[in-house]
């Protein structure tokens, strides 16, 4: 077991003997690999025109081609003080039913509108 320090390079060198001479250790330089700077991706963006853009003076011509992705929203005003409040500063109440109807296939929502006393029963 020996060690030396090269002050010109600023490096330490240690020589240690293994307990088992035939044992192989993988990725002993893993820390060096993780600390190495990553290669930057130098590819240029490939922008291609797929369709020719036509300027039209008719404002309705563009709206007919696009799909309407907006959902009609109705503000439900129900004053039920038995329902639990949730959300930022507990200001939201009674939105669980609307969320379940819109996101039924995406999210598994529990019955957030049922008060805790009724859930235990």
N, C-alpha and C. Protein backbone atom coordinates (compact mmCIF):
# COMPACT_ATOMS: atom_id res chain seq x y z
N UNK A 1 0.84 -1.16 0.00
CA UNK A 1 0.00 0.00 0.00
C UNK A 1 0.89 1.24 0.00
N UNK A 2 0.80 1.97 -1.11
CA UNK A 2 1.60 3.18 -1.23
C UNK A 2 0.73 4.30 -1.76
N UNK A 3 1.20 5.51 -1.59
CA UNK A 3 0.49 6.67 -2.10
C UNK A 3 1.47 7.79 -2.36
N UNK A 4 1.17 8.59 -3.38
CA UNK A 4 2.03 9.74 -3.66
C UNK A 4 1.18 10.88 -4.21
N UNK A 5 1.73 12.09 -4.10
CA UNK A 5 1.04 13.28 -4.57
C UNK A 5 1.95 14.00 -5.56
N UNK A 6 1.44 14.28 -6.76
CA UNK A 6 2.18 15.02 -7.77
C UNK A 6 1.69 16.46 -7.71
N UNK A 7 2.52 17.36 -7.17
CA UNK A 7 2.09 18.75 -6.98
C UNK A 7 2.00 19.50 -8.30
N UNK A 8 2.75 19.10 -9.31
CA UNK A 8 2.66 19.77 -10.61
C UNK A 8 1.31 19.50 -11.28
N UNK A 9 0.83 18.28 -11.20
CA UNK A 9 -0.45 17.90 -11.82
C UNK A 9 -1.61 18.06 -10.84
N UNK A 10 -1.32 18.10 -9.54
CA UNK A 10 -2.38 18.16 -8.55
C UNK A 10 -3.10 16.84 -8.42
N UNK A 11 -2.39 15.72 -8.54
CA UNK A 11 -3.01 14.39 -8.52
C UNK A 11 -2.46 13.56 -7.37
N UNK A 12 -3.35 12.76 -6.78
CA UNK A 12 -2.97 11.74 -5.82
C UNK A 12 -2.96 10.40 -6.54
N UNK A 13 -1.99 9.55 -6.23
CA UNK A 13 -1.94 8.20 -6.78
C UNK A 13 -1.79 7.22 -5.62
N UNK A 14 -2.72 6.28 -5.52
CA UNK A 14 -2.68 5.28 -4.47
C UNK A 14 -2.60 3.91 -5.11
N UNK A 15 -1.80 3.04 -4.53
CA UNK A 15 -1.71 1.65 -4.98
C UNK A 15 -2.09 0.77 -3.79
N UNK A 16 -3.20 0.04 -3.95
CA UNK A 16 -3.70 -0.83 -2.90
C UNK A 16 -3.82 -2.24 -3.43
N UNK A 17 -3.59 -3.23 -2.59
CA UNK A 17 -3.71 -4.63 -2.99
C UNK A 17 -5.13 -5.10 -2.71
N UNK A 18 -5.63 -5.95 -3.59
CA UNK A 18 -6.94 -6.55 -3.41
C UNK A 18 -6.86 -7.68 -2.39
N UNK A 19 -7.97 -7.90 -1.69
CA UNK A 19 -8.05 -9.05 -0.80
C UNK A 19 -8.10 -10.31 -1.63
N UNK A 20 -8.91 -10.31 -2.69
CA UNK A 20 -9.02 -11.43 -3.62
C UNK A 20 -8.46 -10.96 -4.96
N UNK A 21 -7.33 -11.48 -5.37
CA UNK A 21 -6.65 -11.02 -6.58
C UNK A 21 -7.47 -11.24 -7.85
N UNK A 22 -8.33 -12.24 -7.91
CA UNK A 22 -9.09 -12.56 -9.12
C UNK A 22 -10.43 -11.82 -9.21
N UNK A 23 -10.76 -11.05 -8.22
CA UNK A 23 -12.05 -10.35 -8.22
C UNK A 23 -11.97 -9.13 -9.13
N UNK A 24 -13.05 -8.96 -9.98
CA UNK A 24 -13.10 -7.85 -10.94
C UNK A 24 -14.20 -6.88 -10.52
N UNK A 25 -13.89 -5.61 -10.50
CA UNK A 25 -14.85 -4.57 -10.14
C UNK A 25 -15.17 -3.75 -11.38
N UNK A 26 -16.46 -3.72 -11.73
CA UNK A 26 -16.88 -2.95 -12.89
C UNK A 26 -17.13 -1.49 -12.49
N UNK A 27 -16.99 -0.62 -13.46
CA UNK A 27 -17.33 0.80 -13.33
C UNK A 27 -16.68 1.48 -12.13
N UNK A 28 -15.40 1.23 -11.91
CA UNK A 28 -14.71 1.94 -10.85
C UNK A 28 -14.54 3.42 -11.19
N UNK A 29 -14.63 3.76 -12.47
CA UNK A 29 -14.53 5.16 -12.88
C UNK A 29 -15.91 5.77 -13.11
N UNK A 30 -16.93 5.21 -12.51
CA UNK A 30 -18.30 5.68 -12.72
C UNK A 30 -18.48 7.13 -12.27
N UNK A 31 -17.87 7.51 -11.17
CA UNK A 31 -17.99 8.88 -10.70
C UNK A 31 -17.40 9.83 -11.73
N UNK A 32 -16.29 9.45 -12.31
CA UNK A 32 -15.69 10.27 -13.36
C UNK A 32 -16.57 10.36 -14.59
N UNK A 33 -17.25 9.28 -14.92
CA UNK A 33 -18.17 9.30 -16.06
C UNK A 33 -19.36 10.21 -15.78
N UNK A 34 -19.87 10.17 -14.57
CA UNK A 34 -21.03 10.99 -14.22
C UNK A 34 -20.68 12.47 -14.14
N UNK A 35 -19.45 12.78 -13.74
CA UNK A 35 -19.05 14.18 -13.62
C UNK A 35 -18.54 14.77 -14.92
N UNK A 36 -18.31 13.93 -15.92
CA UNK A 36 -17.81 14.43 -17.21
C UNK A 36 -18.87 15.30 -17.86
N UNK A 37 -18.46 16.39 -18.51
CA UNK A 37 -19.46 17.25 -19.18
C UNK A 37 -20.15 16.49 -20.30
N UNK A 38 -21.44 16.75 -20.44
CA UNK A 38 -22.20 16.06 -21.48
C UNK A 38 -21.92 16.69 -22.83
N UNK A 39 -22.03 15.89 -23.86
CA UNK A 39 -21.85 16.39 -25.21
C UNK A 39 -23.10 17.14 -25.61
N UNK A 40 -22.92 18.30 -26.19
CA UNK A 40 -24.07 19.09 -26.62
C UNK A 40 -24.52 18.62 -27.99
N UNK A 41 -25.81 18.58 -28.16
CA UNK A 41 -26.40 18.15 -29.42
C UNK A 41 -26.30 19.30 -30.40
N UNK A 42 -25.63 19.08 -31.53
CA UNK A 42 -25.35 20.15 -32.47
C UNK A 42 -26.19 20.08 -33.74
N UNK A 43 -27.29 19.38 -33.72
CA UNK A 43 -28.11 19.26 -34.93
C UNK A 43 -28.88 20.56 -35.16
N UNK A 44 -29.01 20.93 -36.41
CA UNK A 44 -29.76 22.12 -36.77
C UNK A 44 -31.23 21.73 -36.94
N UNK A 45 -32.15 22.61 -36.59
CA UNK A 45 -33.57 22.27 -36.77
C UNK A 45 -33.91 22.13 -38.24
N UNK A 46 -34.70 21.13 -38.54
CA UNK A 46 -35.10 20.85 -39.91
C UNK A 46 -36.54 21.33 -40.08
N UNK A 47 -36.71 22.52 -40.62
CA UNK A 47 -38.03 23.10 -40.79
C UNK A 47 -38.42 23.00 -42.25
N UNK A 48 -39.57 22.39 -42.49
CA UNK A 48 -40.06 22.22 -43.86
C UNK A 48 -41.48 22.76 -43.93
N UNK A 49 -41.80 23.35 -45.06
CA UNK A 49 -43.17 23.82 -45.29
C UNK A 49 -43.99 22.65 -45.83
N UNK A 50 -45.02 22.25 -45.12
CA UNK A 50 -45.85 21.14 -45.56
C UNK A 50 -46.97 21.62 -46.48
N UNK A 51 -47.52 22.78 -46.20
CA UNK A 51 -48.61 23.32 -47.00
C UNK A 51 -48.32 24.78 -47.29
N UNK A 52 -48.86 25.24 -48.36
CA UNK A 52 -48.72 26.65 -48.69
C UNK A 52 -49.77 27.43 -47.93
N UNK A 53 -49.35 28.49 -47.27
CA UNK A 53 -50.27 29.31 -46.49
C UNK A 53 -50.89 30.33 -47.42
N UNK A 54 -52.22 30.36 -47.44
CA UNK A 54 -52.94 31.28 -48.31
C UNK A 54 -53.59 32.34 -47.45
N UNK A 55 -53.29 33.60 -47.74
CA UNK A 55 -53.90 34.71 -47.02
C UNK A 55 -55.27 34.99 -47.63
N UNK A 56 -56.28 35.06 -46.80
CA UNK A 56 -57.63 35.31 -47.28
C UNK A 56 -58.19 36.52 -46.56
N UNK A 57 -58.98 37.28 -47.27
CA UNK A 57 -59.61 38.44 -46.64
C UNK A 57 -60.89 38.04 -45.91
N UNK A 58 -61.39 36.84 -46.17
CA UNK A 58 -62.62 36.37 -45.54
C UNK A 58 -62.26 35.74 -44.18
N UNK A 59 -62.65 36.34 -43.05
CA UNK A 59 -62.27 35.79 -41.75
C UNK A 59 -62.94 34.47 -41.43
N UNK A 60 -64.07 34.15 -42.04
CA UNK A 60 -64.76 32.90 -41.74
C UNK A 60 -64.18 31.71 -42.48
N UNK A 61 -63.37 31.94 -43.51
CA UNK A 61 -62.84 30.82 -44.27
C UNK A 61 -61.87 30.00 -43.45
N UNK A 62 -61.12 30.61 -42.56
CA UNK A 62 -60.18 29.89 -41.73
C UNK A 62 -60.88 29.13 -40.61
N UNK A 63 -61.96 29.70 -40.08
CA UNK A 63 -62.63 29.07 -38.95
C UNK A 63 -63.38 27.81 -39.37
N UNK A 64 -63.77 27.68 -40.64
CA UNK A 64 -64.48 26.49 -41.08
C UNK A 64 -63.57 25.28 -41.14
N UNK A 65 -62.28 25.49 -41.43
CA UNK A 65 -61.36 24.38 -41.59
C UNK A 65 -60.88 23.81 -40.26
N UNK A 66 -60.87 24.62 -39.23
CA UNK A 66 -60.34 24.14 -37.95
C UNK A 66 -61.46 23.55 -37.11
N UNK A 67 -61.06 22.64 -36.23
CA UNK A 67 -62.02 22.02 -35.33
C UNK A 67 -62.15 22.87 -34.07
N UNK A 68 -63.31 22.87 -33.50
CA UNK A 68 -63.54 23.62 -32.27
C UNK A 68 -63.20 22.71 -31.09
N UNK A 69 -62.14 23.04 -30.38
CA UNK A 69 -61.68 22.21 -29.27
C UNK A 69 -62.16 22.75 -27.92
N UNK A 70 -62.98 23.76 -27.93
CA UNK A 70 -63.44 24.34 -26.68
C UNK A 70 -64.69 23.61 -26.20
N UNK A 71 -64.77 23.41 -24.91
CA UNK A 71 -65.94 22.78 -24.30
C UNK A 71 -66.81 23.86 -23.69
N UNK A 72 -68.10 23.69 -23.82
CA UNK A 72 -69.01 24.63 -23.18
C UNK A 72 -68.94 24.42 -21.68
N UNK A 73 -68.85 25.51 -20.97
CA UNK A 73 -68.75 25.43 -19.52
C UNK A 73 -69.92 26.15 -18.89
N UNK A 74 -70.45 25.53 -17.88
CA UNK A 74 -71.53 26.14 -17.12
C UNK A 74 -71.07 26.27 -15.68
N UNK A 75 -71.30 27.41 -15.12
CA UNK A 75 -70.94 27.63 -13.73
C UNK A 75 -72.09 27.12 -12.87
N UNK A 76 -71.78 26.13 -12.06
CA UNK A 76 -72.79 25.53 -11.19
C UNK A 76 -72.70 26.24 -9.85
N UNK A 77 -73.79 26.81 -9.44
CA UNK A 77 -73.81 27.56 -8.18
C UNK A 77 -74.68 26.80 -7.19
N UNK A 78 -74.07 25.96 -6.39
CA UNK A 78 -74.79 25.22 -5.37
C UNK A 78 -74.17 25.56 -4.03
N UNK A 79 -74.98 25.97 -3.12
CA UNK A 79 -74.51 26.27 -1.78
C UNK A 79 -74.82 25.07 -0.90
N UNK A 80 -73.85 24.23 -0.69
CA UNK A 80 -74.02 23.08 0.18
C UNK A 80 -72.87 23.10 1.17
N UNK A 81 -73.17 23.45 2.40
CA UNK A 81 -72.12 23.60 3.39
C UNK A 81 -71.66 22.26 3.95
N UNK A 82 -72.35 21.16 3.61
CA UNK A 82 -71.95 19.85 4.09
C UNK A 82 -70.80 19.27 3.27
N UNK A 83 -70.60 19.76 2.05
CA UNK A 83 -69.56 19.21 1.19
C UNK A 83 -68.19 19.67 1.65
N UNK A 84 -67.19 18.80 1.54
CA UNK A 84 -65.84 19.21 1.94
C UNK A 84 -65.26 20.21 0.95
N UNK A 85 -64.35 21.04 1.44
CA UNK A 85 -63.68 22.01 0.60
C UNK A 85 -62.27 21.51 0.31
N UNK A 86 -61.74 21.88 -0.83
CA UNK A 86 -60.41 21.44 -1.24
C UNK A 86 -59.82 22.47 -2.18
N UNK A 87 -58.60 22.21 -2.63
CA UNK A 87 -57.95 23.14 -3.55
C UNK A 87 -57.20 24.22 -2.80
N UNK A 88 -56.78 25.24 -3.52
CA UNK A 88 -56.00 26.32 -2.94
C UNK A 88 -56.82 27.06 -1.89
N UNK A 89 -56.30 27.11 -0.69
CA UNK A 89 -56.93 27.79 0.45
C UNK A 89 -58.34 27.25 0.73
N UNK A 90 -58.60 26.01 0.35
CA UNK A 90 -59.91 25.37 0.58
C UNK A 90 -61.05 26.22 0.05
N UNK A 91 -60.89 26.80 -1.12
CA UNK A 91 -61.92 27.65 -1.71
C UNK A 91 -62.77 26.91 -2.74
N UNK A 92 -62.42 25.68 -3.08
CA UNK A 92 -63.18 24.94 -4.09
C UNK A 92 -64.09 23.95 -3.39
N UNK A 93 -65.32 23.87 -3.88
CA UNK A 93 -66.29 22.97 -3.29
C UNK A 93 -67.28 22.56 -4.37
N UNK A 94 -67.59 21.28 -4.45
CA UNK A 94 -68.63 20.81 -5.35
C UNK A 94 -68.21 20.64 -6.79
N UNK A 95 -66.92 20.56 -7.09
CA UNK A 95 -66.48 20.39 -8.47
C UNK A 95 -66.22 18.93 -8.82
N UNK A 96 -66.33 18.04 -7.87
CA UNK A 96 -66.03 16.63 -8.12
C UNK A 96 -66.94 16.01 -9.16
N UNK A 97 -68.22 16.35 -9.14
CA UNK A 97 -69.16 15.78 -10.10
C UNK A 97 -68.80 16.20 -11.52
N UNK A 98 -68.48 17.48 -11.71
CA UNK A 98 -68.14 17.97 -13.04
C UNK A 98 -66.83 17.35 -13.53
N UNK A 99 -65.87 17.20 -12.63
CA UNK A 99 -64.60 16.60 -13.02
C UNK A 99 -64.78 15.15 -13.41
N UNK A 100 -65.60 14.41 -12.66
CA UNK A 100 -65.82 13.01 -13.00
C UNK A 100 -66.47 12.86 -14.36
N UNK A 101 -67.39 13.76 -14.70
CA UNK A 101 -68.06 13.64 -16.00
C UNK A 101 -67.09 13.90 -17.14
N UNK A 102 -66.18 14.86 -16.98
CA UNK A 102 -65.26 15.20 -18.07
C UNK A 102 -64.08 14.24 -18.17
N UNK A 103 -63.54 13.80 -17.04
CA UNK A 103 -62.32 13.02 -17.04
C UNK A 103 -62.53 11.58 -16.59
N UNK A 104 -63.71 11.05 -16.79
CA UNK A 104 -64.03 9.71 -16.30
C UNK A 104 -63.10 8.66 -16.87
N UNK A 105 -62.76 8.77 -18.16
CA UNK A 105 -61.93 7.75 -18.79
C UNK A 105 -60.45 7.96 -18.52
N UNK A 106 -60.06 9.12 -18.02
CA UNK A 106 -58.64 9.42 -17.81
C UNK A 106 -58.23 9.22 -16.36
N UNK A 107 -59.05 9.67 -15.44
CA UNK A 107 -58.69 9.67 -14.02
C UNK A 107 -59.60 8.76 -13.23
N UNK A 108 -59.06 8.15 -12.19
CA UNK A 108 -59.87 7.41 -11.23
C UNK A 108 -60.08 8.32 -10.03
N UNK A 109 -61.20 9.03 -10.04
CA UNK A 109 -61.49 9.94 -8.94
C UNK A 109 -62.36 9.24 -7.91
N UNK A 110 -62.00 9.40 -6.66
CA UNK A 110 -62.85 8.90 -5.60
C UNK A 110 -63.98 9.89 -5.40
N UNK A 111 -64.94 9.52 -4.62
CA UNK A 111 -66.08 10.39 -4.37
C UNK A 111 -65.65 11.47 -3.39
N UNK A 112 -65.14 12.58 -3.94
CA UNK A 112 -64.63 13.65 -3.09
C UNK A 112 -65.74 14.50 -2.50
N UNK A 113 -66.94 14.37 -3.01
CA UNK A 113 -68.04 15.21 -2.55
C UNK A 113 -68.72 14.65 -1.30
N UNK A 114 -68.52 13.38 -1.01
CA UNK A 114 -69.17 12.79 0.16
C UNK A 114 -68.38 13.18 1.41
N UNK A 115 -69.02 13.76 2.40
CA UNK A 115 -68.30 14.14 3.63
C UNK A 115 -67.67 12.93 4.30
N UNK A 116 -66.63 13.19 5.08
CA UNK A 116 -65.89 12.10 5.72
C UNK A 116 -66.77 11.28 6.64
N UNK A 117 -67.74 11.89 7.31
CA UNK A 117 -68.60 11.14 8.22
C UNK A 117 -69.43 10.12 7.45
N UNK A 118 -69.83 10.44 6.22
CA UNK A 118 -70.66 9.53 5.43
C UNK A 118 -69.81 8.43 4.80
N UNK A 119 -68.52 8.68 4.56
CA UNK A 119 -67.65 7.67 3.95
C UNK A 119 -67.41 6.50 4.90
N UNK A 120 -67.31 6.79 6.19
CA UNK A 120 -67.04 5.74 7.17
C UNK A 120 -68.24 4.84 7.38
N UNK A 121 -69.42 5.34 7.16
CA UNK A 121 -70.64 4.57 7.42
C UNK A 121 -70.88 3.55 6.35
